[in-house]
């Protein structure tokens, strides 16, 4: 039996950032074969952004063999290569909805369902835009994917965990709490 978890970008980054307080716990989560690890296209975009900044500062530590192989490529290809490596190494499943829905605003406009759901949740959760989209994706896909937990190191999301649970009925935890609860 596996547990289905939506991983926020911060968990993936913590695995390769030795100074991060969640480094050990994030690594255990990502390496576990008993966890179905779900991410979204928003995670991929955030990874691209974070990697482009933190690779230059030297805060992230990737295997030397990987970096040597990818060093022959331009910056964009390097970042894409690292993301492909992460997805394959940890069996990360990228999910998202391809559905558009009509939103009534002085007429109608079509938007991805994640955006519409983020707009609905915004008044309740008051999260930053990308954080709200992550929560919306979890809410939309929790039944079809079996998502039970949202695991994050993001302080803003963690501060709103009770309201998120009330709104979408998913448990929000930091990596340490999650590792302790499931006994990794």
N, C-alpha and C. Protein backbone atom coordinates (compact mmCIF):
# COMPACT_ATOMS: atom_id res chain seq x y z
N UNK A 1 0.84 -1.19 0.00
CA UNK A 1 0.00 0.00 0.00
C UNK A 1 0.88 1.25 0.00
N UNK A 2 0.53 2.21 -0.83
CA UNK A 2 1.32 3.44 -0.85
C UNK A 2 0.45 4.62 -0.43
N UNK A 3 1.13 5.62 0.06
CA UNK A 3 0.49 6.87 0.47
C UNK A 3 0.69 7.85 -0.67
N UNK A 4 -0.36 8.56 -1.04
CA UNK A 4 -0.27 9.53 -2.14
C UNK A 4 -0.10 10.94 -1.56
N UNK A 5 0.98 11.60 -1.98
CA UNK A 5 1.36 12.89 -1.43
C UNK A 5 1.63 13.89 -2.54
N UNK A 6 1.10 15.08 -2.38
CA UNK A 6 1.45 16.18 -3.28
C UNK A 6 2.64 16.89 -2.64
N UNK A 7 3.74 16.98 -3.38
CA UNK A 7 4.94 17.62 -2.87
C UNK A 7 5.07 19.04 -3.42
N UNK A 8 5.23 19.97 -2.52
CA UNK A 8 5.51 21.35 -2.90
C UNK A 8 6.97 21.43 -3.37
N UNK A 9 7.27 22.39 -4.19
CA UNK A 9 8.61 22.60 -4.73
C UNK A 9 9.67 22.66 -3.63
N UNK A 10 9.33 23.26 -2.52
CA UNK A 10 10.29 23.43 -1.41
C UNK A 10 10.85 22.11 -0.91
N UNK A 11 10.08 21.05 -0.98
CA UNK A 11 10.53 19.74 -0.51
C UNK A 11 11.60 19.19 -1.46
N UNK A 12 11.38 19.34 -2.74
CA UNK A 12 12.34 18.84 -3.73
C UNK A 12 13.65 19.61 -3.61
N UNK A 13 13.57 20.91 -3.47
CA UNK A 13 14.78 21.75 -3.34
C UNK A 13 15.52 21.40 -2.05
N UNK A 14 14.81 21.20 -0.96
CA UNK A 14 15.45 20.89 0.33
C UNK A 14 16.32 19.64 0.25
N UNK A 15 15.95 18.70 -0.59
CA UNK A 15 16.72 17.46 -0.75
C UNK A 15 18.13 17.73 -1.26
N UNK A 16 18.31 18.80 -2.01
CA UNK A 16 19.62 19.12 -2.59
C UNK A 16 20.25 20.37 -1.99
N UNK A 17 19.71 20.78 -0.86
CA UNK A 17 20.22 21.96 -0.16
C UNK A 17 20.63 21.53 1.25
N UNK A 18 21.89 21.07 1.41
CA UNK A 18 22.32 20.50 2.69
C UNK A 18 22.10 21.40 3.91
N UNK A 19 22.08 22.69 3.74
CA UNK A 19 21.87 23.59 4.88
C UNK A 19 20.42 23.78 5.26
N UNK A 20 19.52 23.22 4.51
CA UNK A 20 18.08 23.38 4.77
C UNK A 20 17.68 22.52 5.96
N UNK A 21 16.90 23.07 6.90
CA UNK A 21 16.47 22.28 8.07
C UNK A 21 15.66 21.04 7.71
N UNK A 22 15.03 21.03 6.53
CA UNK A 22 14.23 19.88 6.09
C UNK A 22 15.00 18.94 5.17
N UNK A 23 16.29 19.17 4.99
CA UNK A 23 17.09 18.39 4.04
C UNK A 23 16.97 16.87 4.27
N UNK A 24 17.21 16.41 5.48
CA UNK A 24 17.19 14.97 5.78
C UNK A 24 15.79 14.39 5.56
N UNK A 25 14.78 15.11 6.00
CA UNK A 25 13.40 14.62 5.90
C UNK A 25 12.92 14.62 4.45
N UNK A 26 13.26 15.66 3.71
CA UNK A 26 12.90 15.72 2.29
C UNK A 26 13.55 14.58 1.52
N UNK A 27 14.79 14.31 1.85
CA UNK A 27 15.52 13.21 1.19
C UNK A 27 14.84 11.88 1.47
N UNK A 28 14.43 11.65 2.71
CA UNK A 28 13.73 10.40 3.05
C UNK A 28 12.42 10.26 2.28
N UNK A 29 11.69 11.35 2.17
CA UNK A 29 10.41 11.33 1.45
C UNK A 29 10.65 11.00 -0.02
N UNK A 30 11.58 11.72 -0.65
CA UNK A 30 11.82 11.52 -2.07
C UNK A 30 12.36 10.12 -2.38
N UNK A 31 13.16 9.57 -1.49
CA UNK A 31 13.73 8.24 -1.73
C UNK A 31 12.77 7.10 -1.42
N UNK A 32 11.69 7.37 -0.72
CA UNK A 32 10.76 6.31 -0.34
C UNK A 32 10.05 5.72 -1.56
N UNK A 33 10.00 4.41 -1.61
CA UNK A 33 9.28 3.71 -2.68
C UNK A 33 7.83 3.43 -2.28
N UNK A 34 7.48 3.76 -1.04
CA UNK A 34 6.13 3.51 -0.54
C UNK A 34 5.24 4.74 -0.62
N UNK A 35 5.77 5.80 -1.21
CA UNK A 35 5.01 7.05 -1.34
C UNK A 35 4.82 7.34 -2.82
N UNK A 36 3.59 7.58 -3.19
CA UNK A 36 3.29 8.05 -4.56
C UNK A 36 3.47 9.56 -4.52
N UNK A 37 4.44 10.06 -5.25
CA UNK A 37 4.84 11.47 -5.17
C UNK A 37 4.28 12.25 -6.36
N UNK A 38 3.38 13.16 -6.06
CA UNK A 38 2.69 13.95 -7.08
C UNK A 38 3.24 15.37 -7.08
N UNK A 39 3.51 15.89 -8.28
CA UNK A 39 3.83 17.30 -8.45
C UNK A 39 2.97 17.82 -9.60
N UNK A 40 3.03 19.11 -9.87
CA UNK A 40 2.25 19.68 -10.96
C UNK A 40 3.15 20.47 -11.90
N UNK A 41 2.55 20.94 -12.98
CA UNK A 41 3.30 21.78 -13.90
C UNK A 41 3.76 23.06 -13.21
N UNK A 42 3.05 23.51 -12.19
CA UNK A 42 3.48 24.68 -11.41
C UNK A 42 4.79 24.36 -10.70
N UNK A 43 4.91 23.14 -10.18
CA UNK A 43 6.15 22.71 -9.53
C UNK A 43 7.31 22.76 -10.52
N UNK A 44 7.07 22.33 -11.74
CA UNK A 44 8.12 22.33 -12.76
C UNK A 44 8.56 23.76 -13.06
N UNK A 45 7.61 24.67 -13.16
CA UNK A 45 7.94 26.08 -13.40
C UNK A 45 8.73 26.65 -12.22
N UNK A 46 8.26 26.36 -11.00
CA UNK A 46 8.98 26.85 -9.81
C UNK A 46 10.39 26.26 -9.73
N UNK A 47 10.53 24.97 -10.04
CA UNK A 47 11.86 24.35 -10.05
C UNK A 47 12.78 25.07 -11.02
N UNK A 48 12.27 25.38 -12.20
CA UNK A 48 13.07 26.11 -13.19
C UNK A 48 13.56 27.44 -12.63
N UNK A 49 12.67 28.14 -11.99
CA UNK A 49 13.01 29.45 -11.42
C UNK A 49 14.02 29.34 -10.28
N UNK A 50 13.74 28.44 -9.35
CA UNK A 50 14.63 28.26 -8.19
C UNK A 50 16.00 27.75 -8.62
N UNK A 51 16.02 26.78 -9.52
CA UNK A 51 17.30 26.24 -9.99
C UNK A 51 18.12 27.32 -10.68
N UNK A 52 17.47 28.16 -11.47
CA UNK A 52 18.22 29.20 -12.18
C UNK A 52 18.90 30.17 -11.21
N UNK A 53 18.30 30.37 -10.05
CA UNK A 53 18.90 31.27 -9.04
C UNK A 53 19.91 30.55 -8.15
N UNK A 54 19.53 29.40 -7.61
CA UNK A 54 20.37 28.75 -6.60
C UNK A 54 21.57 27.98 -7.16
N UNK A 55 21.53 27.61 -8.42
CA UNK A 55 22.69 26.95 -8.99
C UNK A 55 23.88 27.91 -9.05
N UNK A 56 23.59 29.18 -9.24
CA UNK A 56 24.66 30.19 -9.30
C UNK A 56 25.27 30.48 -7.93
N UNK A 57 24.48 30.31 -6.88
CA UNK A 57 24.99 30.62 -5.53
C UNK A 57 25.74 29.45 -4.91
N UNK A 58 25.61 28.26 -5.50
CA UNK A 58 26.27 27.09 -4.95
C UNK A 58 25.56 26.49 -3.75
N UNK A 59 24.33 26.91 -3.48
CA UNK A 59 23.57 26.39 -2.33
C UNK A 59 23.05 24.98 -2.56
N UNK A 60 22.92 24.59 -3.82
CA UNK A 60 22.40 23.27 -4.14
C UNK A 60 23.54 22.33 -4.50
N UNK A 61 23.44 21.09 -4.04
CA UNK A 61 24.48 20.10 -4.31
C UNK A 61 23.85 18.92 -5.03
N UNK A 62 24.22 18.77 -6.32
CA UNK A 62 23.77 17.65 -7.13
C UNK A 62 24.95 16.72 -7.35
N UNK A 63 24.69 15.47 -7.72
CA UNK A 63 25.80 14.53 -7.97
C UNK A 63 26.78 15.11 -8.99
N UNK A 64 28.06 14.95 -8.70
CA UNK A 64 29.11 15.50 -9.55
C UNK A 64 29.02 14.94 -10.97
N UNK A 65 28.72 13.65 -11.08
CA UNK A 65 28.61 13.00 -12.39
C UNK A 65 27.51 13.66 -13.24
N UNK A 66 26.36 13.97 -12.61
CA UNK A 66 25.26 14.63 -13.31
C UNK A 66 25.69 16.01 -13.78
N UNK A 67 26.29 16.77 -12.89
CA UNK A 67 26.67 18.15 -13.23
C UNK A 67 27.75 18.17 -14.33
N UNK A 68 28.64 17.21 -14.29
CA UNK A 68 29.68 17.13 -15.31
C UNK A 68 29.05 16.83 -16.67
N UNK A 69 28.11 15.89 -16.68
CA UNK A 69 27.41 15.54 -17.91
C UNK A 69 26.64 16.73 -18.47
N UNK A 70 25.95 17.45 -17.59
CA UNK A 70 25.09 18.55 -18.02
C UNK A 70 25.87 19.85 -18.27
N UNK A 71 27.10 19.93 -17.82
CA UNK A 71 27.88 21.17 -17.95
C UNK A 71 28.16 21.54 -19.40
N UNK A 72 28.00 20.59 -20.30
CA UNK A 72 28.24 20.84 -21.72
C UNK A 72 27.09 21.60 -22.37
N UNK A 73 25.99 21.73 -21.66
CA UNK A 73 24.79 22.33 -22.23
C UNK A 73 24.63 23.78 -21.79
N UNK A 74 23.80 24.52 -22.54
CA UNK A 74 23.47 25.89 -22.15
C UNK A 74 22.62 25.86 -20.88
N UNK A 75 22.41 27.03 -20.29
CA UNK A 75 21.73 27.12 -18.99
C UNK A 75 20.31 26.53 -19.00
N UNK A 76 19.57 26.81 -20.05
CA UNK A 76 18.20 26.30 -20.13
C UNK A 76 18.22 24.77 -20.19
N UNK A 77 19.07 24.22 -21.03
CA UNK A 77 19.17 22.76 -21.15
C UNK A 77 19.67 22.13 -19.85
N UNK A 78 20.56 22.81 -19.15
CA UNK A 78 21.05 22.34 -17.85
C UNK A 78 19.90 22.22 -16.86
N UNK A 79 19.10 23.25 -16.77
CA UNK A 79 17.96 23.25 -15.83
C UNK A 79 16.94 22.18 -16.21
N UNK A 80 16.63 22.07 -17.49
CA UNK A 80 15.70 21.04 -17.95
C UNK A 80 16.27 19.65 -17.65
N UNK A 81 17.57 19.48 -17.84
CA UNK A 81 18.22 18.20 -17.54
C UNK A 81 18.11 17.83 -16.07
N UNK A 82 18.31 18.80 -15.19
CA UNK A 82 18.19 18.54 -13.75
C UNK A 82 16.75 18.17 -13.40
N UNK A 83 15.79 18.88 -13.97
CA UNK A 83 14.38 18.58 -13.68
C UNK A 83 14.03 17.17 -14.17
N UNK A 84 14.47 16.82 -15.36
CA UNK A 84 14.23 15.45 -15.88
C UNK A 84 14.86 14.41 -14.95
N UNK A 85 16.07 14.70 -14.49
CA UNK A 85 16.76 13.80 -13.55
C UNK A 85 15.93 13.62 -12.28
N UNK A 86 15.44 14.71 -11.70
CA UNK A 86 14.65 14.65 -10.47
C UNK A 86 13.37 13.84 -10.67
N UNK A 87 12.68 14.09 -11.78
CA UNK A 87 11.43 13.40 -12.07
C UNK A 87 11.67 11.90 -12.20
N UNK A 88 12.70 11.54 -12.93
CA UNK A 88 12.99 10.11 -13.15
C UNK A 88 13.51 9.44 -11.88
N UNK A 89 14.49 10.07 -11.22
CA UNK A 89 15.12 9.47 -10.03
C UNK A 89 14.11 9.18 -8.93
N UNK A 90 13.18 10.10 -8.72
CA UNK A 90 12.25 9.96 -7.60
C UNK A 90 10.84 9.55 -8.03
N UNK A 91 10.67 9.16 -9.28
CA UNK A 91 9.36 8.73 -9.80
C UNK A 91 8.27 9.76 -9.48
N UNK A 92 8.56 11.00 -9.79
CA UNK A 92 7.60 12.08 -9.56
C UNK A 92 6.57 12.07 -10.69
N UNK A 93 5.30 12.15 -10.32
CA UNK A 93 4.23 12.18 -11.32
C UNK A 93 3.77 13.62 -11.48
N UNK A 94 3.83 14.12 -12.71
CA UNK A 94 3.38 15.48 -13.00
C UNK A 94 1.91 15.41 -13.37
N UNK A 95 1.09 16.16 -12.64
CA UNK A 95 -0.35 16.15 -12.90
C UNK A 95 -0.85 17.58 -13.13
N UNK A 96 -2.00 17.64 -13.69
CA UNK A 96 -2.69 18.92 -13.91
C UNK A 96 -3.95 18.60 -14.67
N UNK A 97 -4.84 19.51 -14.65
CA UNK A 97 -6.10 19.32 -15.36
C UNK A 97 -6.03 20.06 -16.69
N UNK A 98 -6.60 19.47 -17.69
CA UNK A 98 -6.63 20.12 -19.01
C UNK A 98 -8.00 20.76 -19.26
N UNK A 99 -8.78 20.87 -18.21
CA UNK A 99 -10.13 21.38 -18.36
C UNK A 99 -10.18 22.90 -18.26
N UNK A 100 -10.99 23.48 -19.13
CA UNK A 100 -11.28 24.91 -19.06
C UNK A 100 -12.71 25.06 -18.56
N UNK A 101 -12.94 26.09 -17.79
CA UNK A 101 -14.31 26.38 -17.38
C UNK A 101 -14.60 27.85 -17.62
N UNK A 102 -15.86 28.17 -17.73
CA UNK A 102 -16.30 29.54 -17.95
C UNK A 102 -16.38 30.27 -16.60
N UNK A 103 -15.80 31.45 -16.56
CA UNK A 103 -15.85 32.26 -15.35
C UNK A 103 -16.66 33.52 -15.66
N UNK A 104 -17.77 33.74 -14.92
CA UNK A 104 -18.59 34.92 -15.20
C UNK A 104 -17.98 36.20 -14.63
N UNK A 105 -17.58 37.10 -15.50
CA UNK A 105 -17.04 38.41 -15.11
C UNK A 105 -17.31 39.35 -16.26
N UNK A 106 -18.36 40.18 -16.15
CA UNK A 106 -18.73 41.06 -17.27
C UNK A 106 -18.75 40.26 -18.56
N UNK A 107 -19.53 39.25 -18.56
CA UNK A 107 -19.51 38.27 -19.64
C UNK A 107 -18.78 37.05 -19.10
N UNK A 108 -18.26 36.25 -19.96
CA UNK A 108 -17.55 35.04 -19.53
C UNK A 108 -16.17 35.01 -20.16
N UNK A 109 -15.26 34.38 -19.47
CA UNK A 109 -13.99 34.03 -20.09
C UNK A 109 -13.63 32.63 -19.63
N UNK A 110 -12.88 31.94 -20.45
CA UNK A 110 -12.48 30.57 -20.13
C UNK A 110 -11.13 30.60 -19.45
N UNK A 111 -10.99 29.77 -18.44
CA UNK A 111 -9.72 29.66 -17.71
C UNK A 111 -9.53 28.21 -17.29
N UNK A 112 -8.27 27.79 -17.12
CA UNK A 112 -8.04 26.45 -16.57
C UNK A 112 -8.74 26.31 -15.22
N UNK A 113 -9.25 25.13 -14.95
CA UNK A 113 -10.00 24.91 -13.72
C UNK A 113 -9.18 25.24 -12.47
N UNK A 114 -7.83 25.04 -12.54
CA UNK A 114 -6.97 25.37 -11.39
C UNK A 114 -7.03 26.86 -11.06
N UNK A 115 -7.12 27.67 -12.11
CA UNK A 115 -7.18 29.12 -11.90
C UNK A 115 -8.53 29.50 -11.30
N UNK A 116 -9.58 28.93 -11.82
CA UNK A 116 -10.91 29.21 -11.28
C UNK A 116 -11.01 28.79 -9.81
N UNK A 117 -10.46 27.62 -9.51
CA UNK A 117 -10.48 27.13 -8.13
C UNK A 117 -9.62 28.02 -7.23
N UNK A 118 -8.50 28.49 -7.75
CA UNK A 118 -7.64 29.41 -6.98
C UNK A 118 -8.38 30.70 -6.67
N UNK A 119 -9.14 31.18 -7.64
CA UNK A 119 -9.93 32.40 -7.41
C UNK A 119 -10.97 32.16 -6.31
N UNK A 120 -11.58 30.99 -6.33
CA UNK A 120 -12.59 30.66 -5.31
C UNK A 120 -11.97 30.59 -3.92
N UNK A 121 -10.80 29.94 -3.84
CA UNK A 121 -10.14 29.74 -2.54
C UNK A 121 -9.43 31.00 -2.02
N UNK A 122 -9.14 31.94 -2.90
CA UNK A 122 -8.35 33.12 -2.53
C UNK A 122 -8.95 33.88 -1.34
N UNK A 123 -10.25 34.05 -1.34
CA UNK A 123 -10.90 34.80 -0.25
C UNK A 123 -10.75 34.10 1.10
N UNK A 124 -10.66 32.78 1.07
CA UNK A 124 -10.56 32.01 2.31
C UNK A 124 -9.12 31.85 2.78
N UNK A 125 -8.21 31.58 1.83
CA UNK A 125 -6.84 31.20 2.21
C UNK A 125 -5.84 32.36 2.22
N UNK A 126 -6.06 33.34 1.37
CA UNK A 126 -5.16 34.51 1.31
C UNK A 126 -3.69 34.12 1.14
N UNK A 127 -3.45 33.19 0.23
CA UNK A 127 -2.10 32.72 -0.07
C UNK A 127 -1.54 33.48 -1.26
N UNK A 128 -0.21 33.38 -1.44
CA UNK A 128 0.42 33.91 -2.65
C UNK A 128 -0.12 33.12 -3.83
N UNK A 129 -0.04 33.71 -5.00
CA UNK A 129 -0.66 33.14 -6.20
C UNK A 129 -0.26 31.70 -6.47
N UNK A 130 1.04 31.42 -6.58
CA UNK A 130 1.46 30.05 -6.91
C UNK A 130 1.12 29.06 -5.80
N UNK A 131 1.18 29.50 -4.55
CA UNK A 131 0.78 28.63 -3.44
C UNK A 131 -0.70 28.29 -3.54
N UNK A 132 -1.51 29.28 -3.89
CA UNK A 132 -2.95 29.05 -4.05
C UNK A 132 -3.21 28.07 -5.19
N UNK A 133 -2.43 28.18 -6.26
CA UNK A 133 -2.61 27.25 -7.38
C UNK A 133 -2.24 25.83 -6.97
N UNK A 134 -1.15 25.67 -6.20
CA UNK A 134 -0.79 24.34 -5.69
C UNK A 134 -1.96 23.74 -4.89
N UNK A 135 -2.51 24.52 -3.97
CA UNK A 135 -3.62 24.04 -3.14
C UNK A 135 -4.82 23.70 -4.01
N UNK A 136 -5.08 24.51 -5.01
CA UNK A 136 -6.21 24.25 -5.91
C UNK A 136 -6.03 22.96 -6.68
N UNK A 137 -4.81 22.72 -7.15
CA UNK A 137 -4.53 21.48 -7.88
C UNK A 137 -4.77 20.27 -6.97
N UNK A 138 -4.32 20.38 -5.75
CA UNK A 138 -4.54 19.28 -4.79
C UNK A 138 -6.04 19.06 -4.62
N UNK A 139 -6.80 20.13 -4.45
CA UNK A 139 -8.23 20.00 -4.24
C UNK A 139 -8.93 19.37 -5.44
N UNK A 140 -8.55 19.78 -6.63
CA UNK A 140 -9.18 19.27 -7.85
C UNK A 140 -8.86 17.79 -8.06
N UNK A 141 -7.63 17.39 -7.76
CA UNK A 141 -7.18 16.04 -8.10
C UNK A 141 -7.17 15.06 -6.93
N UNK A 142 -7.52 15.51 -5.73
CA UNK A 142 -7.37 14.63 -4.56
C UNK A 142 -8.17 13.34 -4.67
N UNK A 143 -9.37 13.41 -5.18
CA UNK A 143 -10.17 12.18 -5.28
C UNK A 143 -9.67 11.25 -6.38
N UNK A 144 -9.43 11.80 -7.56
CA UNK A 144 -9.02 10.94 -8.68
C UNK A 144 -7.61 10.38 -8.48
N UNK A 145 -6.75 11.11 -7.79
CA UNK A 145 -5.37 10.67 -7.57
C UNK A 145 -5.19 10.00 -6.20
N UNK A 146 -6.12 10.24 -5.29
CA UNK A 146 -5.98 9.69 -3.94
C UNK A 146 -5.02 10.48 -3.06
N UNK A 147 -4.86 11.77 -3.34
CA UNK A 147 -3.94 12.61 -2.57
C UNK A 147 -4.47 12.79 -1.15
N UNK A 148 -3.64 12.40 -0.18
CA UNK A 148 -4.02 12.49 1.24
C UNK A 148 -3.32 13.64 1.96
N UNK A 149 -2.11 13.98 1.49
CA UNK A 149 -1.28 14.97 2.16
C UNK A 149 -0.70 15.97 1.17
N UNK A 150 -0.53 17.19 1.64
CA UNK A 150 0.26 18.18 0.93
C UNK A 150 1.47 18.41 1.83
N UNK A 151 2.67 18.10 1.35
CA UNK A 151 3.88 18.25 2.16
C UNK A 151 4.67 19.43 1.61
N UNK A 152 5.01 20.36 2.50
CA UNK A 152 5.66 21.59 2.11
C UNK A 152 6.56 22.12 3.23
N UNK A 153 7.55 22.90 2.82
CA UNK A 153 8.35 23.65 3.79
C UNK A 153 7.96 25.12 3.78
N UNK A 154 7.02 25.46 2.93
CA UNK A 154 6.59 26.85 2.76
C UNK A 154 5.86 27.34 4.01
N UNK A 155 6.42 28.34 4.65
CA UNK A 155 5.86 28.86 5.91
C UNK A 155 4.45 29.42 5.72
N UNK A 156 4.20 30.07 4.60
CA UNK A 156 2.87 30.64 4.36
C UNK A 156 1.80 29.56 4.26
N UNK A 157 2.11 28.49 3.55
CA UNK A 157 1.15 27.39 3.43
C UNK A 157 0.97 26.71 4.79
N UNK A 158 2.08 26.49 5.49
CA UNK A 158 2.00 25.83 6.80
C UNK A 158 1.20 26.65 7.81
N UNK A 159 1.32 27.98 7.74
CA UNK A 159 0.55 28.84 8.65
C UNK A 159 -0.95 28.75 8.38
N UNK A 160 -1.32 28.38 7.17
CA UNK A 160 -2.73 28.30 6.79
C UNK A 160 -3.25 26.86 6.78
N UNK A 161 -2.50 25.94 7.37
CA UNK A 161 -2.86 24.52 7.26
C UNK A 161 -4.25 24.20 7.79
N UNK A 162 -4.68 24.84 8.88
CA UNK A 162 -6.02 24.55 9.42
C UNK A 162 -7.10 25.01 8.45
N UNK A 163 -6.93 26.18 7.88
CA UNK A 163 -7.91 26.70 6.92
C UNK A 163 -7.90 25.87 5.64
N UNK A 164 -6.71 25.44 5.21
CA UNK A 164 -6.63 24.58 4.02
C UNK A 164 -7.36 23.27 4.28
N UNK A 165 -7.15 22.69 5.43
CA UNK A 165 -7.84 21.43 5.78
C UNK A 165 -9.35 21.64 5.79
N UNK A 166 -9.77 22.77 6.33
CA UNK A 166 -11.20 23.09 6.38
C UNK A 166 -11.78 23.26 4.97
N UNK A 167 -11.02 23.90 4.10
CA UNK A 167 -11.51 24.20 2.75
C UNK A 167 -11.44 23.01 1.80
N UNK A 168 -10.35 22.21 1.88
CA UNK A 168 -10.19 21.15 0.88
C UNK A 168 -10.05 19.75 1.47
N UNK A 169 -10.03 19.65 2.79
CA UNK A 169 -9.97 18.36 3.47
C UNK A 169 -8.74 17.52 3.08
N UNK A 170 -7.58 18.17 3.08
CA UNK A 170 -6.30 17.51 2.88
C UNK A 170 -5.39 17.95 4.01
N UNK A 171 -4.58 17.03 4.52
CA UNK A 171 -3.68 17.32 5.63
C UNK A 171 -2.41 17.98 5.09
N UNK A 172 -2.04 19.12 5.67
CA UNK A 172 -0.83 19.84 5.30
C UNK A 172 0.21 19.62 6.39
N UNK A 173 1.41 19.19 5.99
CA UNK A 173 2.48 18.93 6.95
C UNK A 173 3.81 19.41 6.39
N UNK A 174 4.74 19.67 7.30
CA UNK A 174 6.11 19.91 6.86
C UNK A 174 6.79 18.54 6.72
N UNK A 175 7.95 18.47 6.05
CA UNK A 175 8.59 17.17 5.83
C UNK A 175 8.89 16.39 7.12
N UNK A 176 9.34 17.06 8.17
CA UNK A 176 9.66 16.38 9.43
C UNK A 176 8.40 15.73 10.01
N UNK A 177 7.31 16.47 10.07
CA UNK A 177 6.06 15.93 10.60
C UNK A 177 5.61 14.72 9.79
N UNK A 178 5.69 14.83 8.47
CA UNK A 178 5.26 13.74 7.61
C UNK A 178 6.10 12.49 7.82
N UNK A 179 7.41 12.65 7.86
CA UNK A 179 8.32 11.51 8.07
C UNK A 179 8.01 10.85 9.42
N UNK A 180 7.78 11.64 10.45
CA UNK A 180 7.49 11.10 11.78
C UNK A 180 6.14 10.39 11.81
N UNK A 181 5.15 10.95 11.17
CA UNK A 181 3.79 10.37 11.16
C UNK A 181 3.78 9.02 10.45
N UNK A 182 4.44 8.93 9.30
CA UNK A 182 4.36 7.67 8.55
C UNK A 182 5.50 6.72 8.88
N UNK A 183 6.44 7.17 9.70
CA UNK A 183 7.49 6.29 10.19
C UNK A 183 8.59 5.96 9.20
N UNK A 184 9.03 6.93 8.44
CA UNK A 184 10.15 6.70 7.51
C UNK A 184 11.47 6.69 8.24
